[in-house]
Amino acid sequence: MHTHNFVTYEEFGRRFFEIAVTEERVAAAFAEIAGGEFEMGPMAQGPAGLAKVTAKVKIQQPTARRSVGDTITFNVRIPLLIELIVDLRVDKQRFTVDGDIALRATARAAEPLTLVIDVAKPRPSDIAVHVTSKSVRGEILRIVAGVDTEIRRFVAAYVADEIDSPASQEAKVIDVAEAVASAWD
């Protein structure tokens, strides 16, 4: 006696995606890819590269919000904290930056039986930052040197490089056929 409610292969495939690709799983995958902390610099900036910029970036726990339509997409937010030092050779200005990275991802099916999380590279406008300085000189430097814009540009470039890294490329692809085969063994 059958107790199953049978569905079409198409319905099964759609339900598989909706159940397998959850907000929690996508957020966890981004947490693994993003890592916890990294340092940038020192990097020469400004006229003749006189200023040296160093940053310590701490990645916080990502969140993902899923939208189900013709495709399953995710709006991913990765909060970050940055300790930034601008060494002007005469003195060092310290800045504290908090903000987040907004990424868009789409769950896709590929041949032969593969699930791919396709991640769009961020633009500087996808990076939100709030920069504070510990001094009046630092605030003036922040405004004159366009520190906020440079941080957004640099973080966007760093994240784009990470998306292209071999480890990230591997993490975005799930071989479903292999998983099913190992489950049957």
N, C-alpha and C. Protein backbone atom coordinates (compact mmCIF):
# COMPACT_ATOMS: atom_id res chain seq x y z
N MET A 1 0.84 -1.18 0.00
CA MET A 1 0.00 0.00 0.00
C MET A 1 0.88 1.25 0.00
N HIS A 2 0.66 2.13 -0.95
CA HIS A 2 1.45 3.35 -1.08
C HIS A 2 0.90 4.43 -0.17
N THR A 3 1.80 5.08 0.53
CA THR A 3 1.40 6.21 1.37
C THR A 3 2.05 7.51 0.88
N HIS A 4 2.61 7.49 -0.32
CA HIS A 4 3.30 8.65 -0.85
C HIS A 4 2.38 9.46 -1.74
N ASN A 5 2.56 10.76 -1.70
CA ASN A 5 1.91 11.66 -2.65
C ASN A 5 2.94 11.95 -3.73
N PHE A 6 2.76 11.38 -4.89
CA PHE A 6 3.73 11.53 -5.96
C PHE A 6 3.62 12.91 -6.61
N VAL A 7 4.78 13.41 -7.07
CA VAL A 7 4.85 14.70 -7.75
C VAL A 7 5.60 14.50 -9.06
N THR A 8 5.53 15.49 -9.92
CA THR A 8 6.27 15.40 -11.18
C THR A 8 7.75 15.63 -10.91
N TYR A 9 8.57 15.25 -11.88
CA TYR A 9 10.01 15.50 -11.75
C TYR A 9 10.29 17.01 -11.62
N GLU A 10 9.55 17.81 -12.36
CA GLU A 10 9.72 19.26 -12.29
C GLU A 10 9.39 19.79 -10.90
N GLU A 11 8.26 19.31 -10.32
CA GLU A 11 7.90 19.74 -8.97
C GLU A 11 8.96 19.29 -7.96
N PHE A 12 9.46 18.07 -8.14
CA PHE A 12 10.49 17.55 -7.25
C PHE A 12 11.74 18.43 -7.32
N GLY A 13 12.16 18.78 -8.52
CA GLY A 13 13.35 19.61 -8.69
C GLY A 13 13.20 20.97 -8.04
N ARG A 14 12.05 21.58 -8.22
CA ARG A 14 11.80 22.89 -7.63
C ARG A 14 11.79 22.80 -6.10
N ARG A 15 11.11 21.79 -5.57
CA ARG A 15 11.07 21.61 -4.12
C ARG A 15 12.46 21.31 -3.56
N PHE A 16 13.23 20.53 -4.31
CA PHE A 16 14.60 20.22 -3.88
C PHE A 16 15.39 21.53 -3.67
N PHE A 17 15.32 22.43 -4.64
CA PHE A 17 16.03 23.70 -4.52
C PHE A 17 15.53 24.51 -3.33
N GLU A 18 14.21 24.57 -3.17
CA GLU A 18 13.65 25.37 -2.09
C GLU A 18 14.02 24.82 -0.72
N ILE A 19 14.17 23.50 -0.61
CA ILE A 19 14.53 22.88 0.67
C ILE A 19 16.05 22.87 0.88
N ALA A 20 16.80 22.61 -0.19
CA ALA A 20 18.26 22.47 -0.05
C ALA A 20 18.96 23.81 0.10
N VAL A 21 18.47 24.84 -0.55
CA VAL A 21 19.17 26.12 -0.56
C VAL A 21 18.42 27.09 0.36
N THR A 22 18.75 27.02 1.64
CA THR A 22 18.07 27.84 2.65
C THR A 22 18.90 29.07 3.00
N GLU A 23 18.26 30.01 3.66
CA GLU A 23 18.96 31.21 4.12
C GLU A 23 20.11 30.83 5.05
N GLU A 24 19.86 29.89 5.94
CA GLU A 24 20.89 29.49 6.91
C GLU A 24 22.10 28.87 6.22
N ARG A 25 21.86 27.99 5.24
CA ARG A 25 22.97 27.35 4.53
C ARG A 25 23.77 28.35 3.71
N VAL A 26 23.08 29.25 3.05
CA VAL A 26 23.78 30.26 2.24
C VAL A 26 24.59 31.19 3.15
N ALA A 27 24.02 31.63 4.25
CA ALA A 27 24.75 32.49 5.19
C ALA A 27 25.98 31.76 5.75
N ALA A 28 25.82 30.49 6.09
CA ALA A 28 26.95 29.70 6.60
C ALA A 28 28.05 29.55 5.56
N ALA A 29 27.66 29.37 4.30
CA ALA A 29 28.65 29.26 3.23
C ALA A 29 29.41 30.57 3.07
N PHE A 30 28.72 31.69 3.15
CA PHE A 30 29.40 32.98 3.05
C PHE A 30 30.31 33.21 4.25
N ALA A 31 29.90 32.76 5.41
CA ALA A 31 30.75 32.90 6.60
C ALA A 31 32.05 32.12 6.41
N GLU A 32 31.96 30.95 5.83
CA GLU A 32 33.14 30.12 5.58
C GLU A 32 34.05 30.76 4.54
N ILE A 33 33.47 31.30 3.48
CA ILE A 33 34.25 31.93 2.42
C ILE A 33 34.88 33.23 2.93
N ALA A 34 34.11 34.02 3.64
CA ALA A 34 34.58 35.34 4.06
C ALA A 34 35.70 35.25 5.09
N GLY A 35 35.68 34.22 5.91
CA GLY A 35 36.71 34.13 6.94
C GLY A 35 36.41 35.08 8.06
N GLY A 36 37.33 35.17 8.99
CA GLY A 36 37.09 35.99 10.16
C GLY A 36 37.78 37.33 10.14
N GLU A 37 39.01 37.37 9.65
CA GLU A 37 39.80 38.58 9.77
C GLU A 37 40.89 38.59 8.71
N PHE A 38 41.19 39.77 8.19
CA PHE A 38 42.32 39.91 7.27
C PHE A 38 42.88 41.31 7.39
N GLU A 39 44.13 41.46 6.95
CA GLU A 39 44.79 42.76 6.97
C GLU A 39 45.12 43.19 5.56
N MET A 40 45.06 44.49 5.33
CA MET A 40 45.41 45.06 4.04
C MET A 40 46.50 46.10 4.29
N GLY A 41 47.48 46.13 3.42
CA GLY A 41 48.48 47.18 3.49
C GLY A 41 49.73 46.77 4.22
N PRO A 42 50.63 47.71 4.37
CA PRO A 42 50.44 49.13 4.04
C PRO A 42 50.41 49.37 2.53
N MET A 43 49.54 50.29 2.14
CA MET A 43 49.37 50.64 0.72
C MET A 43 49.69 52.12 0.56
N ALA A 44 50.45 52.44 -0.47
CA ALA A 44 50.77 53.84 -0.75
C ALA A 44 49.53 54.52 -1.33
N GLN A 45 49.20 55.69 -0.80
CA GLN A 45 48.05 56.45 -1.26
C GLN A 45 48.41 57.92 -1.38
N GLY A 46 47.60 58.66 -2.09
CA GLY A 46 47.77 60.10 -2.21
C GLY A 46 48.85 60.49 -3.20
N PRO A 47 49.13 61.80 -3.26
CA PRO A 47 50.15 62.29 -4.19
C PRO A 47 51.51 61.66 -3.90
N ALA A 48 52.11 61.11 -4.91
CA ALA A 48 53.43 60.45 -4.83
C ALA A 48 53.46 59.31 -3.82
N GLY A 49 52.29 58.81 -3.44
CA GLY A 49 52.22 57.69 -2.51
C GLY A 49 52.79 58.01 -1.14
N LEU A 50 52.68 59.27 -0.73
CA LEU A 50 53.26 59.68 0.55
C LEU A 50 52.57 59.06 1.76
N ALA A 51 51.28 58.88 1.69
CA ALA A 51 50.55 58.29 2.81
C ALA A 51 50.56 56.77 2.69
N LYS A 52 50.69 56.11 3.83
CA LYS A 52 50.63 54.65 3.87
C LYS A 52 49.38 54.27 4.67
N VAL A 53 48.56 53.44 4.06
CA VAL A 53 47.30 53.05 4.69
C VAL A 53 47.35 51.58 5.06
N THR A 54 46.98 51.28 6.29
CA THR A 54 46.91 49.92 6.79
C THR A 54 45.52 49.71 7.37
N ALA A 55 44.96 48.53 7.13
CA ALA A 55 43.62 48.24 7.65
C ALA A 55 43.56 46.83 8.19
N LYS A 56 42.90 46.67 9.32
CA LYS A 56 42.59 45.36 9.88
C LYS A 56 41.08 45.21 9.79
N VAL A 57 40.64 44.21 9.03
CA VAL A 57 39.22 44.01 8.75
C VAL A 57 38.73 42.77 9.48
N LYS A 58 37.64 42.91 10.22
CA LYS A 58 37.01 41.79 10.91
C LYS A 58 35.64 41.56 10.29
N ILE A 59 35.45 40.35 9.78
CA ILE A 59 34.17 39.99 9.17
C ILE A 59 33.25 39.43 10.26
N GLN A 60 32.04 39.91 10.31
CA GLN A 60 31.05 39.44 11.26
C GLN A 60 30.17 38.37 10.60
N GLN A 61 29.22 37.83 11.33
CA GLN A 61 28.35 36.76 10.84
C GLN A 61 27.41 37.26 9.73
N PRO A 62 27.51 36.68 8.52
CA PRO A 62 26.63 37.08 7.43
C PRO A 62 25.18 36.66 7.67
N THR A 63 24.28 37.37 7.02
CA THR A 63 22.86 36.99 7.02
C THR A 63 22.41 36.92 5.56
N ALA A 64 21.41 36.11 5.30
CA ALA A 64 20.88 35.97 3.94
C ALA A 64 19.37 36.03 3.99
N ARG A 65 18.79 36.74 3.04
CA ARG A 65 17.34 36.81 2.90
C ARG A 65 16.99 36.25 1.53
N ARG A 66 16.17 35.22 1.52
CA ARG A 66 15.84 34.52 0.28
C ARG A 66 14.58 35.08 -0.35
N SER A 67 14.59 35.15 -1.69
CA SER A 67 13.42 35.51 -2.48
C SER A 67 13.17 34.37 -3.45
N VAL A 68 11.95 33.83 -3.42
CA VAL A 68 11.61 32.71 -4.29
C VAL A 68 10.68 33.22 -5.38
N GLY A 69 11.13 33.09 -6.61
CA GLY A 69 10.35 33.47 -7.79
C GLY A 69 10.69 32.48 -8.88
N ASP A 70 10.84 32.96 -10.11
CA ASP A 70 11.30 32.08 -11.18
C ASP A 70 12.67 31.50 -10.83
N THR A 71 13.48 32.31 -10.15
CA THR A 71 14.76 31.84 -9.62
C THR A 71 14.75 32.05 -8.11
N ILE A 72 15.66 31.38 -7.44
CA ILE A 72 15.81 31.57 -6.00
C ILE A 72 17.04 32.46 -5.82
N THR A 73 16.80 33.65 -5.28
CA THR A 73 17.88 34.61 -5.10
C THR A 73 18.04 34.94 -3.62
N PHE A 74 19.20 35.48 -3.30
CA PHE A 74 19.51 35.84 -1.92
C PHE A 74 20.12 37.23 -1.88
N ASN A 75 19.67 38.00 -0.92
CA ASN A 75 20.35 39.25 -0.58
C ASN A 75 21.18 38.91 0.66
N VAL A 76 22.48 38.99 0.51
CA VAL A 76 23.39 38.62 1.58
C VAL A 76 24.02 39.89 2.14
N ARG A 77 24.04 40.00 3.46
CA ARG A 77 24.68 41.13 4.15
C ARG A 77 25.80 40.57 5.00
N ILE A 78 26.98 41.13 4.80
CA ILE A 78 28.14 40.72 5.59
C ILE A 78 28.62 41.94 6.38
N PRO A 79 28.34 41.98 7.68
CA PRO A 79 28.80 43.11 8.49
C PRO A 79 30.32 43.06 8.66
N LEU A 80 30.93 44.24 8.76
CA LEU A 80 32.37 44.28 8.96
C LEU A 80 32.77 45.42 9.87
N LEU A 81 33.92 45.25 10.51
CA LEU A 81 34.53 46.28 11.34
C LEU A 81 35.95 46.46 10.82
N ILE A 82 36.37 47.72 10.69
CA ILE A 82 37.71 48.00 10.16
C ILE A 82 38.42 48.98 11.09
N GLU A 83 39.65 48.65 11.43
CA GLU A 83 40.54 49.58 12.11
C GLU A 83 41.50 50.08 11.04
N LEU A 84 41.45 51.37 10.75
CA LEU A 84 42.21 51.94 9.65
C LEU A 84 43.23 52.93 10.20
N ILE A 85 44.47 52.84 9.71
CA ILE A 85 45.52 53.77 10.10
C ILE A 85 46.07 54.42 8.83
N VAL A 86 46.07 55.74 8.80
CA VAL A 86 46.67 56.49 7.71
C VAL A 86 47.93 57.13 8.26
N ASP A 87 49.09 56.64 7.79
CA ASP A 87 50.39 57.13 8.23
C ASP A 87 50.84 58.22 7.27
N LEU A 88 50.86 59.46 7.75
CA LEU A 88 51.23 60.60 6.92
C LEU A 88 52.71 60.97 7.10
N ARG A 89 53.46 60.12 7.73
CA ARG A 89 54.88 60.31 8.07
C ARG A 89 55.06 61.33 9.17
N VAL A 90 54.24 62.36 9.23
CA VAL A 90 54.32 63.35 10.29
C VAL A 90 53.57 62.83 11.51
N ASP A 91 52.42 62.23 11.27
CA ASP A 91 51.64 61.59 12.33
C ASP A 91 50.76 60.50 11.71
N LYS A 92 50.13 59.74 12.59
CA LYS A 92 49.23 58.67 12.16
C LYS A 92 47.82 59.01 12.60
N GLN A 93 46.89 58.91 11.65
CA GLN A 93 45.49 59.12 11.96
C GLN A 93 44.79 57.77 12.00
N ARG A 94 44.02 57.55 13.05
CA ARG A 94 43.30 56.29 13.23
C ARG A 94 41.81 56.51 13.02
N PHE A 95 41.22 55.54 12.31
CA PHE A 95 39.80 55.60 12.01
C PHE A 95 39.16 54.27 12.41
N THR A 96 37.92 54.34 12.83
CA THR A 96 37.13 53.15 13.09
C THR A 96 36.00 53.15 12.07
N VAL A 97 35.84 52.01 11.42
CA VAL A 97 34.84 51.90 10.36
C VAL A 97 33.94 50.71 10.67
N ASP A 98 32.64 50.93 10.62
CA ASP A 98 31.71 49.80 10.65
C ASP A 98 30.82 49.93 9.43
N GLY A 99 30.36 48.81 8.96
CA GLY A 99 29.52 48.84 7.78
C GLY A 99 29.14 47.44 7.36
N ASP A 100 28.70 47.31 6.13
CA ASP A 100 28.40 45.98 5.62
C ASP A 100 28.54 45.91 4.10
N ILE A 101 28.69 44.68 3.66
CA ILE A 101 28.81 44.37 2.25
C ILE A 101 27.48 43.76 1.82
N ALA A 102 26.90 44.28 0.76
CA ALA A 102 25.65 43.73 0.23
C ALA A 102 25.99 42.94 -1.03
N LEU A 103 25.66 41.66 -1.01
CA LEU A 103 25.90 40.80 -2.16
C LEU A 103 24.58 40.20 -2.63
N ARG A 104 24.54 39.87 -3.91
CA ARG A 104 23.40 39.19 -4.48
C ARG A 104 23.86 37.83 -5.00
N ALA A 105 23.09 36.82 -4.68
CA ALA A 105 23.44 35.46 -5.11
C ALA A 105 22.19 34.79 -5.68
N THR A 106 22.42 33.90 -6.64
CA THR A 106 21.33 33.16 -7.27
C THR A 106 21.66 31.68 -7.26
N ALA A 107 20.71 30.86 -6.82
CA ALA A 107 20.87 29.40 -6.86
C ALA A 107 20.53 28.95 -8.27
N ARG A 108 21.46 28.23 -8.90
CA ARG A 108 21.26 27.78 -10.28
C ARG A 108 21.51 26.29 -10.40
N ALA A 109 20.86 25.68 -11.38
CA ALA A 109 21.08 24.27 -11.69
C ALA A 109 21.99 24.20 -12.91
N ALA A 110 22.96 23.26 -12.87
CA ALA A 110 23.88 23.08 -13.99
C ALA A 110 24.04 21.60 -14.28
N GLU A 111 24.53 21.31 -15.47
CA GLU A 111 24.74 19.91 -15.87
C GLU A 111 26.00 19.38 -15.23
N PRO A 112 26.11 18.08 -14.97
CA PRO A 112 25.06 17.10 -15.20
C PRO A 112 24.00 17.14 -14.08
N LEU A 113 24.40 17.30 -12.84
CA LEU A 113 23.46 17.43 -11.73
C LEU A 113 24.19 18.22 -10.64
N THR A 114 24.26 19.52 -10.87
CA THR A 114 25.08 20.38 -10.02
C THR A 114 24.26 21.58 -9.56
N LEU A 115 24.47 21.97 -8.31
CA LEU A 115 23.86 23.15 -7.74
C LEU A 115 24.96 24.20 -7.64
N VAL A 116 24.71 25.37 -8.20
CA VAL A 116 25.71 26.44 -8.21
C VAL A 116 25.10 27.68 -7.56
N ILE A 117 25.85 28.26 -6.62
CA ILE A 117 25.46 29.54 -6.04
C ILE A 117 26.26 30.60 -6.78
N ASP A 118 25.57 31.32 -7.66
CA ASP A 118 26.21 32.33 -8.51
C ASP A 118 26.19 33.66 -7.75
N VAL A 119 27.36 34.21 -7.49
CA VAL A 119 27.48 35.43 -6.69
C VAL A 119 27.93 36.59 -7.58
N ALA A 120 27.15 37.66 -7.59
CA ALA A 120 27.52 38.85 -8.34
C ALA A 120 28.61 39.61 -7.58
N LYS A 121 29.60 40.09 -8.30
CA LYS A 121 30.67 40.87 -7.67
C LYS A 121 30.11 42.21 -7.21
N PRO A 122 30.52 42.65 -6.02
CA PRO A 122 29.99 43.91 -5.51
C PRO A 122 30.62 45.12 -6.20
N ARG A 123 29.87 46.19 -6.24
CA ARG A 123 30.36 47.49 -6.68
C ARG A 123 30.64 48.31 -5.43
N PRO A 124 31.43 49.36 -5.52
CA PRO A 124 31.64 50.20 -4.33
C PRO A 124 30.32 50.67 -3.70
N SER A 125 29.29 50.88 -4.53
CA SER A 125 27.99 51.32 -3.99
C SER A 125 27.30 50.22 -3.17
N ASP A 126 27.78 48.97 -3.25
CA ASP A 126 27.23 47.87 -2.46
C ASP A 126 27.88 47.78 -1.08
N ILE A 127 28.84 48.65 -0.83
CA ILE A 127 29.55 48.66 0.45
C ILE A 127 29.09 49.89 1.22
N ALA A 128 28.52 49.67 2.40
CA ALA A 128 28.09 50.78 3.25
C ALA A 128 29.09 50.92 4.38
N VAL A 129 29.56 52.13 4.63
CA VAL A 129 30.51 52.35 5.71
C VAL A 129 30.13 53.58 6.53
N HIS A 130 30.47 53.50 7.78
CA HIS A 130 30.34 54.64 8.69
C HIS A 130 31.72 54.82 9.31
N VAL A 131 32.37 55.93 8.97
CA VAL A 131 33.76 56.16 9.39
C VAL A 131 33.78 57.20 10.50
N THR A 132 34.50 56.90 11.57
CA THR A 132 34.70 57.87 12.64
C THR A 132 36.20 57.99 12.91
N SER A 133 36.58 59.17 13.33
CA SER A 133 37.97 59.45 13.65
C SER A 133 38.07 59.79 15.12
N LYS A 134 39.28 59.68 15.63
CA LYS A 134 39.51 59.98 17.03
C LYS A 134 39.99 61.43 17.24
N SER A 135 40.09 62.21 16.13
CA SER A 135 40.58 63.58 16.26
C SER A 135 39.95 64.47 15.20
N VAL A 136 40.05 65.79 15.42
CA VAL A 136 39.56 66.75 14.45
C VAL A 136 40.40 66.67 13.18
N ARG A 137 41.73 66.51 13.33
CA ARG A 137 42.61 66.37 12.16
C ARG A 137 42.20 65.15 11.33
N GLY A 138 41.85 64.07 12.02
CA GLY A 138 41.42 62.86 11.33
C GLY A 138 40.15 63.08 10.54
N GLU A 139 39.20 63.83 11.12
CA GLU A 139 37.94 64.10 10.43
C GLU A 139 38.18 64.96 9.19
N ILE A 140 39.07 65.94 9.32
CA ILE A 140 39.41 66.78 8.16
C ILE A 140 40.06 65.93 7.08
N LEU A 141 41.02 65.08 7.47
CA LEU A 141 41.68 64.20 6.52
C LEU A 141 40.67 63.27 5.85
N ARG A 142 39.74 62.74 6.63
CA ARG A 142 38.72 61.83 6.11
C ARG A 142 37.92 62.50 5.00
N ILE A 143 37.55 63.75 5.20
CA ILE A 143 36.75 64.47 4.22
C ILE A 143 37.59 64.85 3.00
N VAL A 144 38.77 65.44 3.24
CA VAL A 144 39.62 65.92 2.15
C VAL A 144 40.13 64.76 1.29
N ALA A 145 40.54 63.67 1.93
CA ALA A 145 41.13 62.55 1.19
C ALA A 145 40.08 61.58 0.65
N GLY A 146 38.82 61.78 0.98
CA GLY A 146 37.79 60.87 0.49
C GLY A 146 37.96 59.47 1.03
N VAL A 147 38.27 59.37 2.32
CA VAL A 147 38.54 58.08 2.95
C VAL A 147 37.36 57.12 2.80
N ASP A 148 36.14 57.61 2.98
CA ASP A 148 34.96 56.74 2.88
C ASP A 148 34.87 56.08 1.50
N THR A 149 35.08 56.88 0.45
CA THR A 149 35.00 56.37 -0.91
C THR A 149 36.10 55.35 -1.18
N GLU A 150 37.30 55.64 -0.71
CA GLU A 150 38.43 54.71 -0.91
C GLU A 150 38.20 53.39 -0.19
N ILE A 151 37.61 53.44 1.01
CA ILE A 151 37.33 52.20 1.74
C ILE A 151 36.32 51.37 0.95
N ARG A 152 35.25 51.99 0.47
CA ARG A 152 34.25 51.25 -0.31
C ARG A 152 34.87 50.64 -1.56
N ARG A 153 35.68 51.40 -2.25
CA ARG A 153 36.33 50.91 -3.47
C ARG A 153 37.25 49.73 -3.17
N PHE A 154 38.03 49.87 -2.12
CA PHE A 154 39.01 48.83 -1.79
C PHE A 154 38.32 47.55 -1.31
N VAL A 155 37.31 47.68 -0.46
CA VAL A 155 36.59 46.50 0.03
C VAL A 155 35.88 45.79 -1.11
N ALA A 156 35.27 46.55 -2.02
CA ALA A 156 34.60 45.94 -3.18
C ALA A 156 35.60 45.15 -4.02
N ALA A 157 36.78 45.71 -4.25
CA ALA A 157 37.81 45.02 -5.04
C ALA A 157 38.30 43.77 -4.33
N TYR A 158 38.48 43.86 -3.02
CA TYR A 158 38.93 42.70 -2.24
C TYR A 158 37.90 41.57 -2.32
N VAL A 159 36.63 41.91 -2.11
CA VAL A 159 35.57 40.89 -2.14
C VAL A 159 35.44 40.28 -3.54
N ALA A 160 35.56 41.09 -4.58
CA ALA A 160 35.51 40.57 -5.95
C ALA A 160 36.64 39.56 -6.18
N ASP A 161 37.83 39.87 -5.68
CA ASP A 161 38.95 38.92 -5.80
C ASP A 161 38.67 37.63 -5.03
N GLU A 162 38.06 37.76 -3.84
CA GLU A 162 37.73 36.57 -3.04
C GLU A 162 36.69 35.71 -3.75
N ILE A 163 35.72 36.34 -4.40
CA ILE A 163 34.70 35.59 -5.13
C ILE A 163 35.35 34.77 -6.24
N ASP A 164 36.40 35.30 -6.85
CA ASP A 164 37.11 34.61 -7.92
C ASP A 164 38.15 33.60 -7.43
N SER A 165 38.43 33.58 -6.14
CA SER A 165 39.48 32.69 -5.63
C SER A 165 39.09 31.22 -5.82
N PRO A 166 40.07 30.34 -5.99
CA PRO A 166 39.77 28.91 -6.18
C PRO A 166 38.93 28.32 -5.04
N ALA A 167 39.21 28.70 -3.80
CA ALA A 167 38.44 28.16 -2.66
C ALA A 167 36.98 28.59 -2.74
N SER A 168 36.73 29.84 -3.11
CA SER A 168 35.36 30.33 -3.23
C SER A 168 34.65 29.67 -4.41
N GLN A 169 35.36 29.52 -5.52
CA GLN A 169 34.77 28.87 -6.68
C GLN A 169 34.33 27.45 -6.33
N GLU A 170 35.16 26.75 -5.59
CA GLU A 170 34.84 25.38 -5.18
C GLU A 170 33.66 25.35 -4.21
N ALA A 171 33.62 26.31 -3.28
CA ALA A 171 32.56 26.33 -2.27
C ALA A 171 31.19 26.65 -2.87
N LYS A 172 31.16 27.31 -4.03
CA LYS A 172 29.89 27.71 -4.65
C LYS A 172 29.26 26.61 -5.49
N VAL A 173 29.95 25.46 -5.61
CA VAL A 173 29.46 24.38 -6.48
C VAL A 173 29.24 23.12 -5.65
N ILE A 174 28.05 22.56 -5.74
CA ILE A 174 27.72 21.32 -5.03
C ILE A 174 27.37 20.26 -6.07
N ASP A 175 28.15 19.20 -6.09
CA ASP A 175 27.91 18.10 -7.02
C ASP A 175 26.85 17.19 -6.40
N VAL A 176 25.60 17.38 -6.81
CA VAL A 176 24.48 16.63 -6.25
C VAL A 176 24.58 15.16 -6.61
N ALA A 177 25.02 14.84 -7.84
CA ALA A 177 25.16 13.44 -8.27
C ALA A 177 26.13 12.72 -7.35
N GLU A 178 27.22 13.36 -6.99
CA GLU A 178 28.21 12.75 -6.09
C GLU A 178 27.62 12.53 -4.70
N ALA A 179 26.87 13.52 -4.22
CA ALA A 179 26.24 13.40 -2.90
C ALA A 179 25.22 12.26 -2.88
N VAL A 180 24.44 12.14 -3.93
CA VAL A 180 23.44 11.06 -4.01
C VAL A 180 24.16 9.72 -4.09
N ALA A 181 25.21 9.63 -4.91
CA ALA A 181 25.96 8.38 -5.03
C ALA A 181 26.55 7.96 -3.70
N SER A 182 27.09 8.89 -2.95
CA SER A 182 27.68 8.52 -1.65
C SER A 182 26.60 8.14 -0.64
N ALA A 183 25.40 8.71 -0.78
CA ALA A 183 24.31 8.34 0.12
C ALA A 183 23.81 6.92 -0.12
N TRP A 184 23.96 6.46 -1.36
CA TRP A 184 23.50 5.12 -1.70
C TRP A 184 24.52 4.04 -1.36
N ASP A 185 25.74 4.45 -1.09
CA ASP A 185 26.81 3.48 -0.77
C ASP A 185 26.71 3.00 0.67
